[in-house]
All heavy atoms as atom14 arrays in JSON, in Angstrom:
{
  "sequence": "KSFMFGYLTDALADLLFGMTGLYGQWRTERFFFDAVTTEIRWVLRR",
  "atom14_mask": [
    [1, 1, 1, 1, 1, 1, 1, 1, 1, 0, 0, 0, 0, 0],
    [1, 1, 1, 1, 1, 1, 0, 0, 0, 0, 0, 0, 0, 0],
    [1, 1, 1, 1, 1, 1, 1, 1, 1, 1, 1, 0, 0, 0],
    [1, 1, 1, 1, 1, 1, 1, 1, 0, 0, 0, 0, 0, 0],
    [1, 1, 1, 1, 1, 1, 1, 1, 1, 1, 1, 0, 0, 0],
    [1, 1, 1, 1, 0, 0, 0, 0, 0, 0, 0, 0, 0, 0],
    [1, 1, 1, 1, 1, 1, 1, 1, 1, 1, 1, 1, 0, 0],
    [1, 1, 1, 1, 1, 1, 1, 1, 0, 0, 0, 0, 0, 0],
    [1, 1, 1, 1, 1, 1, 1, 0, 0, 0, 0, 0, 0, 0],
    [1, 1, 1, 1, 1, 1, 1, 1, 0, 0, 0, 0, 0, 0],
    [1, 1, 1, 1, 1, 0, 0, 0, 0, 0, 0, 0, 0, 0],
    [1, 1, 1, 1, 1, 1, 1, 1, 0, 0, 0, 0, 0, 0],
    [1, 1, 1, 1, 1, 0, 0, 0, 0, 0, 0, 0, 0, 0],
    [1, 1, 1, 1, 1, 1, 1, 1, 0, 0, 0, 0, 0, 0],
    [1, 1, 1, 1, 1, 1, 1, 1, 0, 0, 0, 0, 0, 0],
    [1, 1, 1, 1, 1, 1, 1, 1, 0, 0, 0, 0, 0, 0],
    [1, 1, 1, 1, 1, 1, 1, 1, 1, 1, 1, 0, 0, 0],
    [1, 1, 1, 1, 0, 0, 0, 0, 0, 0, 0, 0, 0, 0],
    [1, 1, 1, 1, 1, 1, 1, 1, 0, 0, 0, 0, 0, 0],
    [1, 1, 1, 1, 1, 1, 1, 0, 0, 0, 0, 0, 0, 0],
    [1, 1, 1, 1, 0, 0, 0, 0, 0, 0, 0, 0, 0, 0],
    [1, 1, 1, 1, 1, 1, 1, 1, 0, 0, 0, 0, 0, 0],
    [1, 1, 1, 1, 1, 1, 1, 1, 1, 1, 1, 1, 0, 0],
    [1, 1, 1, 1, 0, 0, 0, 0, 0, 0, 0, 0, 0, 0],
    [1, 1, 1, 1, 1, 1, 1, 1, 1, 0, 0, 0, 0, 0],
    [1, 1, 1, 1, 1, 1, 1, 1, 1, 1, 1, 1, 1, 1],
    [1, 1, 1, 1, 1, 1, 1, 1, 1, 1, 1, 0, 0, 0],
    [1, 1, 1, 1, 1, 1, 1, 0, 0, 0, 0, 0, 0, 0],
    [1, 1, 1, 1, 1, 1, 1, 1, 1, 0, 0, 0, 0, 0],
    [1, 1, 1, 1, 1, 1, 1, 1, 1, 1, 1, 0, 0, 0],
    [1, 1, 1, 1, 1, 1, 1, 1, 1, 1, 1, 0, 0, 0],
    [1, 1, 1, 1, 1, 1, 1, 1, 1, 1, 1, 0, 0, 0],
    [1, 1, 1, 1, 1, 1, 1, 1, 1, 1, 1, 0, 0, 0],
    [1, 1, 1, 1, 1, 1, 1, 1, 0, 0, 0, 0, 0, 0],
    [1, 1, 1, 1, 1, 0, 0, 0, 0, 0, 0, 0, 0, 0],
    [1, 1, 1, 1, 1, 1, 1, 0, 0, 0, 0, 0, 0, 0],
    [1, 1, 1, 1, 1, 1, 1, 0, 0, 0, 0, 0, 0, 0],
    [1, 1, 1, 1, 1, 1, 1, 0, 0, 0, 0, 0, 0, 0],
    [1, 1, 1, 1, 1, 1, 1, 1, 1, 0, 0, 0, 0, 0],
    [1, 1, 1, 1, 1, 1, 1, 1, 0, 0, 0, 0, 0, 0],
    [1, 1, 1, 1, 1, 1, 1, 1, 1, 1, 1, 0, 0, 0],
    [1, 1, 1, 1, 1, 1, 1, 1, 1, 1, 1, 1, 1, 1],
    [1, 1, 1, 1, 1, 1, 1, 0, 0, 0, 0, 0, 0, 0],
    [1, 1, 1, 1, 1, 1, 1, 1, 0, 0, 0, 0, 0, 0],
    [1, 1, 1, 1, 1, 1, 1, 1, 1, 1, 1, 0, 0, 0],
    [1, 1, 1, 1, 1, 1, 1, 1, 1, 1, 1, 0, 0, 0]
  ],
  "atom14_positions": [
    [[0.86, -1.18, 0.0], [0.0, 0.0, 0.0], [0.89, 1.23, 0.0], [1.95, 1.24, 0.62], [-0.89, 0.0, 1.25], [-1.87, 1.11, 1.34], [-3.04, 0.89, 0.43], [-4.05, 2.0, 0.59], [-5.12, 1.94, -0.35], [0.0, 0.0, 0.0], [0.0, 0.0, 0.0], [0.0, 0.0, 0.0], [0.0, 0.0, 0.0], [0.0, 0.0, 0.0]],
    [[0.45, 2.27, -0.68], [1.19, 3.52, -0.74], [0.28, 4.65, -0.24], [-0.9, 4.67, -0.56], [1.62, 3.8, -2.18], [2.26, 5.04, -2.27], [0.0, 0.0, 0.0], [0.0, 0.0, 0.0], [0.0, 0.0, 0.0], [0.0, 0.0, 0.0], [0.0, 0.0, 0.0], [0.0, 0.0, 0.0], [0.0, 0.0, 0.0], [0.0, 0.0, 0.0]],
    [[0.86, 5.57, 0.52], [0.13, 6.73, 1.02], [0.89, 7.99, 0.61], [2.11, 8.05, 0.72], [0.03, 6.71, 2.56], [-0.74, 5.55, 3.08], [-0.1, 4.38, 3.48], [-2.13, 5.6, 3.16], [-0.81, 3.31, 3.96], [-2.85, 4.52, 3.64], [-2.19, 3.37, 4.03], [0.0, 0.0, 0.0], [0.0, 0.0, 0.0], [0.0, 0.0, 0.0]],
    [[0.17, 8.99, 0.15], [0.75, 10.28, -0.19], [0.32, 11.28, 0.9], [-0.81, 11.2, 1.38], [0.23, 10.77, -1.55], [0.57, 9.85, -2.7], [2.32, 9.77, -3.07], [2.67, 11.45, -3.52], [0.0, 0.0, 0.0], [0.0, 0.0, 0.0], [0.0, 0.0, 0.0], [0.0, 0.0, 0.0], [0.0, 0.0, 0.0], [0.0, 0.0, 0.0]],
    [[1.21, 12.2, 1.25], [0.87, 13.2, 2.24], [1.65, 14.46, 1.96], [2.65, 14.45, 1.27], [1.1, 12.7, 3.67], [2.41, 12.01, 3.86], [3.5, 12.71, 4.3], [2.55, 10.65, 3.59], [4.72, 12.09, 4.46], [3.76, 10.03, 3.75], [4.85, 10.74, 4.2], [0.0, 0.0, 0.0], [0.0, 0.0, 0.0], [0.0, 0.0, 0.0]],
    [[1.17, 15.56, 2.51], [1.72, 16.87, 2.21], [2.9, 17.25, 3.07], [3.16, 16.66, 4.11], [0.0, 0.0, 0.0], [0.0, 0.0, 0.0], [0.0, 0.0, 0.0], [0.0, 0.0, 0.0], [0.0, 0.0, 0.0], [0.0, 0.0, 0.0], [0.0, 0.0, 0.0], [0.0, 0.0, 0.0], [0.0, 0.0, 0.0], [0.0, 0.0, 0.0]],
    [[3.61, 18.28, 2.64], [4.82, 18.74, 3.32], [4.52, 19.49, 4.62], [5.43, 19.75, 5.4], [5.66, 19.61, 2.39], [5.07, 20.96, 2.11], [5.4, 22.06, 2.88], [4.17, 21.14, 1.07], [4.86, 23.3, 2.63], [3.62, 22.37, 0.81], [3.97, 23.45, 1.59], [3.42, 24.68, 1.35], [0.0, 0.0, 0.0], [0.0, 0.0, 0.0]],
    [[3.27, 19.84, 4.88], [2.96, 20.57, 6.11], [3.03, 19.68, 7.34], [3.2, 20.17, 8.45], [1.57, 21.21, 6.0], [1.46, 22.29, 4.93], [0.03, 22.8, 4.84], [2.43, 23.43, 5.18], [0.0, 0.0, 0.0], [0.0, 0.0, 0.0], [0.0, 0.0, 0.0], [0.0, 0.0, 0.0], [0.0, 0.0, 0.0], [0.0, 0.0, 0.0]],
    [[2.87, 18.4, 7.16], [2.97, 17.47, 8.28], [4.44, 17.08, 8.48], [5.19, 16.98, 7.51], [2.09, 16.22, 8.03], [2.09, 15.41, 9.19], [2.59, 15.38, 6.88], [0.0, 0.0, 0.0], [0.0, 0.0, 0.0], [0.0, 0.0, 0.0], [0.0, 0.0, 0.0], [0.0, 0.0, 0.0], [0.0, 0.0, 0.0], [0.0, 0.0, 0.0]],
    [[4.84, 16.9, 9.7], [6.2, 16.46, 10.01], [6.19, 14.94, 10.09], [6.46, 14.33, 11.13], [6.66, 17.1, 11.32], [8.16, 17.06, 11.51], [8.88, 16.55, 10.62], [8.62, 17.53, 12.56], [0.0, 0.0, 0.0], [0.0, 0.0, 0.0], [0.0, 0.0, 0.0], [0.0, 0.0, 0.0], [0.0, 0.0, 0.0], [0.0, 0.0, 0.0]],
    [[5.84, 14.31, 8.97], [5.53, 12.89, 8.92], [6.64, 11.99, 9.43], [6.38, 11.06, 10.21], [5.14, 12.5, 7.49], [0.0, 0.0, 0.0], [0.0, 0.0, 0.0], [0.0, 0.0, 0.0], [0.0, 0.0, 0.0], [0.0, 0.0, 0.0], [0.0, 0.0, 0.0], [0.0, 0.0, 0.0], [0.0, 0.0, 0.0], [0.0, 0.0, 0.0]],
    [[7.86, 12.22, 9.0], [8.94, 11.33, 9.43], [9.17, 11.43, 10.93], [9.34, 10.42, 11.6], [10.22, 11.62, 8.64], [11.38, 10.67, 8.89], [10.98, 9.21, 8.66], [12.56, 11.04, 8.01], [0.0, 0.0, 0.0], [0.0, 0.0, 0.0], [0.0, 0.0, 0.0], [0.0, 0.0, 0.0], [0.0, 0.0, 0.0], [0.0, 0.0, 0.0]],
    [[9.13, 12.64, 11.47], [9.26, 12.79, 12.92], [8.1, 12.11, 13.64], [8.31, 11.41, 14.64], [9.33, 14.27, 13.3], [0.0, 0.0, 0.0], [0.0, 0.0, 0.0], [0.0, 0.0, 0.0], [0.0, 0.0, 0.0], [0.0, 0.0, 0.0], [0.0, 0.0, 0.0], [0.0, 0.0, 0.0], [0.0, 0.0, 0.0], [0.0, 0.0, 0.0]],
    [[6.88, 12.29, 13.13], [5.72, 11.65, 13.76], [5.86, 10.13, 13.74], [5.55, 9.45, 14.72], [4.44, 12.07, 13.05], [4.11, 13.55, 13.24], [4.62, 14.16, 14.21], [3.36, 14.09, 12.42], [0.0, 0.0, 0.0], [0.0, 0.0, 0.0], [0.0, 0.0, 0.0], [0.0, 0.0, 0.0], [0.0, 0.0, 0.0], [0.0, 0.0, 0.0]],
    [[6.34, 9.6, 12.63], [6.54, 8.15, 12.51], [7.59, 7.67, 13.51], [7.36, 6.71, 14.26], [6.95, 7.79, 11.08], [7.29, 6.34, 10.81], [6.07, 5.45, 11.02], [7.85, 6.18, 9.4], [0.0, 0.0, 0.0], [0.0, 0.0, 0.0], [0.0, 0.0, 0.0], [0.0, 0.0, 0.0], [0.0, 0.0, 0.0], [0.0, 0.0, 0.0]],
    [[8.73, 8.34, 13.56], [9.8, 7.91, 14.47], [9.38, 8.01, 15.93], [9.58, 7.07, 16.71], [11.07, 8.73, 14.21], [11.75, 8.48, 12.86], [12.83, 9.51, 12.61], [12.3, 7.08, 12.77], [0.0, 0.0, 0.0], [0.0, 0.0, 0.0], [0.0, 0.0, 0.0], [0.0, 0.0, 0.0], [0.0, 0.0, 0.0], [0.0, 0.0, 0.0]],
    [[8.78, 9.14, 16.31], [8.37, 9.29, 17.7], [7.2, 8.37, 18.04], [7.08, 7.89, 19.17], [8.08, 10.75, 18.04], [9.32, 11.57, 18.2], [9.6, 12.61, 17.33], [10.23, 11.29, 19.21], [10.76, 13.36, 17.46], [11.4, 12.03, 19.35], [11.66, 13.07, 18.47], [0.0, 0.0, 0.0], [0.0, 0.0, 0.0], [0.0, 0.0, 0.0]],
    [[6.32, 8.11, 17.07], [5.25, 7.14, 17.29], [5.8, 5.76, 17.57], [5.31, 5.04, 18.45], [0.0, 0.0, 0.0], [0.0, 0.0, 0.0], [0.0, 0.0, 0.0], [0.0, 0.0, 0.0], [0.0, 0.0, 0.0], [0.0, 0.0, 0.0], [0.0, 0.0, 0.0], [0.0, 0.0, 0.0], [0.0, 0.0, 0.0], [0.0, 0.0, 0.0]],
    [[6.84, 5.38, 16.86], [7.47, 4.07, 17.09], [8.16, 4.0, 18.44], [8.18, 2.95, 19.06], [8.48, 3.77, 15.97], [7.87, 3.53, 14.62], [6.91, 2.0, 14.59], [5.76, 2.39, 13.28], [0.0, 0.0, 0.0], [0.0, 0.0, 0.0], [0.0, 0.0, 0.0], [0.0, 0.0, 0.0], [0.0, 0.0, 0.0], [0.0, 0.0, 0.0]],
    [[8.71, 5.13, 18.92], [9.34, 5.09, 20.24], [8.31, 4.77, 21.32], [8.64, 4.17, 22.34], [10.07, 6.41, 20.6], [9.12, 7.47, 20.69], [11.16, 6.74, 19.62], [0.0, 0.0, 0.0], [0.0, 0.0, 0.0], [0.0, 0.0, 0.0], [0.0, 0.0, 0.0], [0.0, 0.0, 0.0], [0.0, 0.0, 0.0], [0.0, 0.0, 0.0]],
    [[7.05, 5.14, 21.08], [5.99, 4.84, 22.04], [5.77, 3.35, 22.23], [5.2, 2.93, 23.24], [0.0, 0.0, 0.0], [0.0, 0.0, 0.0], [0.0, 0.0, 0.0], [0.0, 0.0, 0.0], [0.0, 0.0, 0.0], [0.0, 0.0, 0.0], [0.0, 0.0, 0.0], [0.0, 0.0, 0.0], [0.0, 0.0, 0.0], [0.0, 0.0, 0.0]],
    [[6.23, 2.54, 21.29], [6.09, 1.08, 21.43], [6.93, 0.52, 22.57], [6.75, -0.63, 22.96], [6.48, 0.39, 20.11], [5.58, 0.67, 18.92], [6.15, 0.05, 17.66], [4.17, 0.17, 19.19], [0.0, 0.0, 0.0], [0.0, 0.0, 0.0], [0.0, 0.0, 0.0], [0.0, 0.0, 0.0], [0.0, 0.0, 0.0], [0.0, 0.0, 0.0]],
    [[7.82, 1.33, 23.09], [8.67, 0.89, 24.21], [8.18, 1.44, 25.54], [8.83, 1.23, 26.56], [10.12, 1.32, 23.94], [10.68, 0.67, 22.71], [10.61, 1.31, 21.48], [11.24, -0.6, 22.77], [11.1, 0.7, 20.33], [11.72, -1.21, 21.63], [11.65, -0.56, 20.41], [12.13, -1.17, 19.28], [0.0, 0.0, 0.0], [0.0, 0.0, 0.0]],
    [[7.06, 2.14, 25.54], [6.54, 2.73, 26.76], [5.46, 1.87, 27.4], [5.23, 0.73, 27.03], [0.0, 0.0, 0.0], [0.0, 0.0, 0.0], [0.0, 0.0, 0.0], [0.0, 0.0, 0.0], [0.0, 0.0, 0.0], [0.0, 0.0, 0.0], [0.0, 0.0, 0.0], [0.0, 0.0, 0.0], [0.0, 0.0, 0.0], [0.0, 0.0, 0.0]],
    [[4.75, 2.48, 28.33], [3.75, 1.75, 29.12], [2.4, 1.61, 28.42], [1.62, 0.75, 28.76], [3.55, 2.44, 30.46], [2.97, 3.84, 30.35], [2.85, 4.51, 31.7], [3.12, 3.92, 32.72], [2.43, 5.77, 31.67], [0.0, 0.0, 0.0], [0.0, 0.0, 0.0], [0.0, 0.0, 0.0], [0.0, 0.0, 0.0], [0.0, 0.0, 0.0]],
    [[2.12, 2.47, 27.44], [0.82, 2.44, 26.79], [0.74, 1.33, 25.76], [1.68, 1.05, 25.04], [0.51, 3.78, 26.13], [0.62, 4.93, 27.1], [1.58, 5.89, 27.11], [-0.22, 5.2, 28.21], [1.38, 6.75, 28.16], [0.27, 6.34, 28.86], [-1.36, 4.58, 28.73], [-0.31, 6.88, 29.98], [-1.94, 5.12, 29.86], [-1.42, 6.26, 30.47]],
    [[-0.41, 0.7, 25.66], [-0.62, -0.4, 24.71], [-1.0, 0.09, 23.32], [-0.95, -0.66, 22.36], [-1.73, -1.34, 25.23], [-1.32, -2.13, 26.43], [-0.33, -3.16, 26.02], [-0.01, -4.03, 27.14], [0.94, -4.91, 27.1], [1.66, -5.06, 26.02], [1.19, -5.66, 28.13], [0.0, 0.0, 0.0], [0.0, 0.0, 0.0], [0.0, 0.0, 0.0]],
    [[-1.39, 1.37, 23.2], [-1.79, 1.91, 21.9], [-1.13, 3.26, 21.67], [-1.11, 4.1, 22.57], [-3.32, 2.06, 21.81], [-3.92, 0.79, 22.06], [-3.74, 2.54, 20.44], [0.0, 0.0, 0.0], [0.0, 0.0, 0.0], [0.0, 0.0, 0.0], [0.0, 0.0, 0.0], [0.0, 0.0, 0.0], [0.0, 0.0, 0.0], [0.0, 0.0, 0.0]],
    [[-0.58, 3.45, 20.49], [0.0, 4.71, 20.06], [-0.74, 5.16, 18.81], [-1.08, 4.33, 17.96], [1.49, 4.55, 19.71], [2.38, 4.28, 20.88], [2.48, 5.46, 21.83], [2.54, 6.62, 21.37], [2.48, 5.22, 23.04], [0.0, 0.0, 0.0], [0.0, 0.0, 0.0], [0.0, 0.0, 0.0], [0.0, 0.0, 0.0], [0.0, 0.0, 0.0]],
    [[-0.96, 6.46, 18.69], [-1.62, 7.02, 17.5], [-0.86, 8.26, 17.04], [-0.39, 9.04, 17.86], [-3.05, 7.43, 17.8], [-4.01, 6.3, 17.95], [-5.43, 6.82, 18.23], [-6.36, 5.72, 18.31], [-6.49, 4.91, 19.34], [-5.75, 5.1, 20.42], [-7.36, 3.92, 19.32], [0.0, 0.0, 0.0], [0.0, 0.0, 0.0], [0.0, 0.0, 0.0]],
    [[-0.78, 8.42, 15.74], [-0.28, 9.66, 15.14], [-0.88, 9.72, 13.75], [-1.48, 8.76, 13.27], [1.27, 9.71, 15.11], [1.92, 8.57, 14.4], [2.23, 8.67, 13.05], [2.23, 7.41, 15.07], [2.85, 7.63, 12.39], [2.84, 6.35, 14.42], [3.14, 6.46, 13.07], [0.0, 0.0, 0.0], [0.0, 0.0, 0.0], [0.0, 0.0, 0.0]],
    [[-0.76, 10.88, 13.1], [-1.38, 11.01, 11.78], [-0.51, 11.81, 10.84], [0.37, 12.57, 11.26], [-2.77, 11.64, 11.89], [-2.75, 13.12, 12.16], [-2.81, 14.04, 11.13], [-2.67, 13.59, 13.46], [-2.78, 15.4, 11.39], [-2.65, 14.94, 13.73], [-2.7, 15.86, 12.69], [0.0, 0.0, 0.0], [0.0, 0.0, 0.0], [0.0, 0.0, 0.0]],
    [[-0.76, 11.61, 9.56], [-0.16, 12.39, 8.49], [-1.26, 13.23, 7.87], [-2.37, 12.76, 7.68], [0.43, 11.51, 7.39], [1.59, 10.63, 7.82], [1.98, 9.6, 6.99], [2.28, 10.8, 9.0], [3.03, 8.78, 7.33], [3.34, 9.98, 9.36], [3.71, 8.97, 8.51], [0.0, 0.0, 0.0], [0.0, 0.0, 0.0], [0.0, 0.0, 0.0]],
    [[-0.93, 14.46, 7.55], [-1.86, 15.37, 6.87], [-1.73, 15.12, 5.37], [-0.71, 15.41, 4.76], [-1.49, 16.81, 7.21], [-2.35, 17.85, 6.53], [-3.13, 17.5, 5.62], [-2.24, 19.03, 6.89], [0.0, 0.0, 0.0], [0.0, 0.0, 0.0], [0.0, 0.0, 0.0], [0.0, 0.0, 0.0], [0.0, 0.0, 0.0], [0.0, 0.0, 0.0]],
    [[-2.78, 14.56, 4.77], [-2.79, 14.28, 3.33], [-3.64, 15.32, 2.61], [-4.42, 15.0, 1.72], [-3.28, 12.87, 3.07], [0.0, 0.0, 0.0], [0.0, 0.0, 0.0], [0.0, 0.0, 0.0], [0.0, 0.0, 0.0], [0.0, 0.0, 0.0], [0.0, 0.0, 0.0], [0.0, 0.0, 0.0], [0.0, 0.0, 0.0], [0.0, 0.0, 0.0]],
    [[-3.5, 16.57, 3.01], [-4.2, 17.71, 2.43], [-5.72, 17.48, 2.46], [-6.3, 16.96, 1.52], [-3.7, 18.04, 1.01], [-4.33, 19.33, 0.5], [-2.19, 18.14, 0.99], [0.0, 0.0, 0.0], [0.0, 0.0, 0.0], [0.0, 0.0, 0.0], [0.0, 0.0, 0.0], [0.0, 0.0, 0.0], [0.0, 0.0, 0.0], [0.0, 0.0, 0.0]],
    [[-6.31, 17.81, 3.54], [-7.72, 17.68, 3.93], [-8.09, 16.28, 4.41], [-9.15, 16.11, 4.99], [-8.73, 18.11, 2.82], [-8.77, 17.14, 1.79], [-8.4, 19.49, 2.29], [0.0, 0.0, 0.0], [0.0, 0.0, 0.0], [0.0, 0.0, 0.0], [0.0, 0.0, 0.0], [0.0, 0.0, 0.0], [0.0, 0.0, 0.0], [0.0, 0.0, 0.0]],
    [[-7.24, 15.3, 4.19], [-7.51, 13.93, 4.63], [-6.51, 13.56, 5.72], [-5.34, 13.9, 5.64], [-7.37, 12.95, 3.45], [-8.27, 13.33, 2.42], [-7.65, 11.53, 3.86], [0.0, 0.0, 0.0], [0.0, 0.0, 0.0], [0.0, 0.0, 0.0], [0.0, 0.0, 0.0], [0.0, 0.0, 0.0], [0.0, 0.0, 0.0], [0.0, 0.0, 0.0]],
    [[-6.98, 12.86, 6.73], [-6.11, 12.37, 7.8], [-5.74, 10.92, 7.52], [-6.62, 10.09, 7.28], [-6.81, 12.47, 9.16], [-6.0, 11.88, 10.28], [-6.75, 11.78, 11.6], [-7.85, 12.35, 11.73], [-6.23, 11.12, 12.51], [0.0, 0.0, 0.0], [0.0, 0.0, 0.0], [0.0, 0.0, 0.0], [0.0, 0.0, 0.0], [0.0, 0.0, 0.0]],
    [[-4.44, 10.62, 7.56], [-3.96, 9.24, 7.49], [-3.53, 8.89, 8.92], [-2.47, 9.3, 9.38], [-2.76, 9.08, 6.52], [-3.09, 9.63, 5.13], [-2.31, 7.62, 6.47], [-4.21, 8.92, 4.42], [0.0, 0.0, 0.0], [0.0, 0.0, 0.0], [0.0, 0.0, 0.0], [0.0, 0.0, 0.0], [0.0, 0.0, 0.0], [0.0, 0.0, 0.0]],
    [[-4.39, 8.18, 9.63], [-4.17, 7.88, 11.05], [-3.51, 6.51, 11.23], [-4.03, 5.5, 10.78], [-5.48, 7.9, 11.81], [-5.31, 7.68, 13.3], [-6.62, 7.71, 14.04], [-7.29, 9.0, 13.87], [-8.53, 9.23, 14.3], [-9.21, 8.28, 14.92], [-9.07, 10.41, 14.11], [0.0, 0.0, 0.0], [0.0, 0.0, 0.0], [0.0, 0.0, 0.0]],
    [[-2.39, 6.51, 11.9], [-1.67, 5.28, 12.23], [-2.05, 4.88, 13.65], [-1.97, 5.71, 14.57], [-0.17, 5.52, 12.17], [0.37, 5.79, 10.81], [0.03, 6.83, 9.98], [1.36, 5.05, 10.13], [0.76, 6.76, 8.84], [1.59, 5.67, 8.89], [2.09, 3.9, 10.45], [2.51, 5.19, 7.97], [3.01, 3.43, 9.53], [3.2, 4.06, 8.31]],
    [[-2.41, 3.63, 13.84], [-2.73, 3.1, 15.16], [-1.83, 1.89, 15.39], [-1.87, 0.93, 14.62], [-4.22, 2.7, 15.28], [-4.51, 2.18, 16.69], [-5.12, 3.87, 14.92], [0.0, 0.0, 0.0], [0.0, 0.0, 0.0], [0.0, 0.0, 0.0], [0.0, 0.0, 0.0], [0.0, 0.0, 0.0], [0.0, 0.0, 0.0], [0.0, 0.0, 0.0]],
    [[-1.0, 1.97, 16.41], [-0.08, 0.89, 16.77], [-0.58, 0.29, 18.07], [-0.55, 0.96, 19.11], [1.34, 1.43, 16.94], [1.9, 2.27, 15.8], [3.17, 2.97, 16.22], [2.14, 1.4, 14.59], [0.0, 0.0, 0.0], [0.0, 0.0, 0.0], [0.0, 0.0, 0.0], [0.0, 0.0, 0.0], [0.0, 0.0, 0.0], [0.0, 0.0, 0.0]],
    [[-1.05, -0.94, 18.02], [-1.58, -1.6, 19.22], [-0.69, -2.78, 19.57], [-0.36, -3.58, 18.71], [-3.01, -2.06, 18.98], [-3.71, -2.55, 20.23], [-5.15, -2.94, 19.96], [-5.32, -3.9, 18.9], [-5.11, -5.22, 19.02], [-4.72, -5.73, 20.16], [-5.29, -6.02, 17.99], [0.0, 0.0, 0.0], [0.0, 0.0, 0.0], [0.0, 0.0, 0.0]],
    [[-0.31, -2.85, 20.85], [0.53, -3.96, 21.32], [-0.32, -4.93, 22.11], [-0.64, -4.68, 23.28], [1.65, -3.43, 22.21], [2.68, -2.64, 21.46], [3.84, -2.22, 22.35], [3.38, -1.48, 23.51], [3.9, -1.57, 24.73], [4.89, -2.38, 24.97], [3.43, -0.85, 25.72], [0.0, 0.0, 0.0], [0.0, 0.0, 0.0], [0.0, 0.0, 0.0]]
  ]
}
């Protein structure tokens, strides 16, 4: 699957910091990419 998103979102930082949450106490992490009026929401559940 491929997703396109705009330059206004700090997508790579959101992805990296979202992944760091996998080492914390919470069982679910969420972050999103701004795809110009559309939200691409990532949900990481452990």
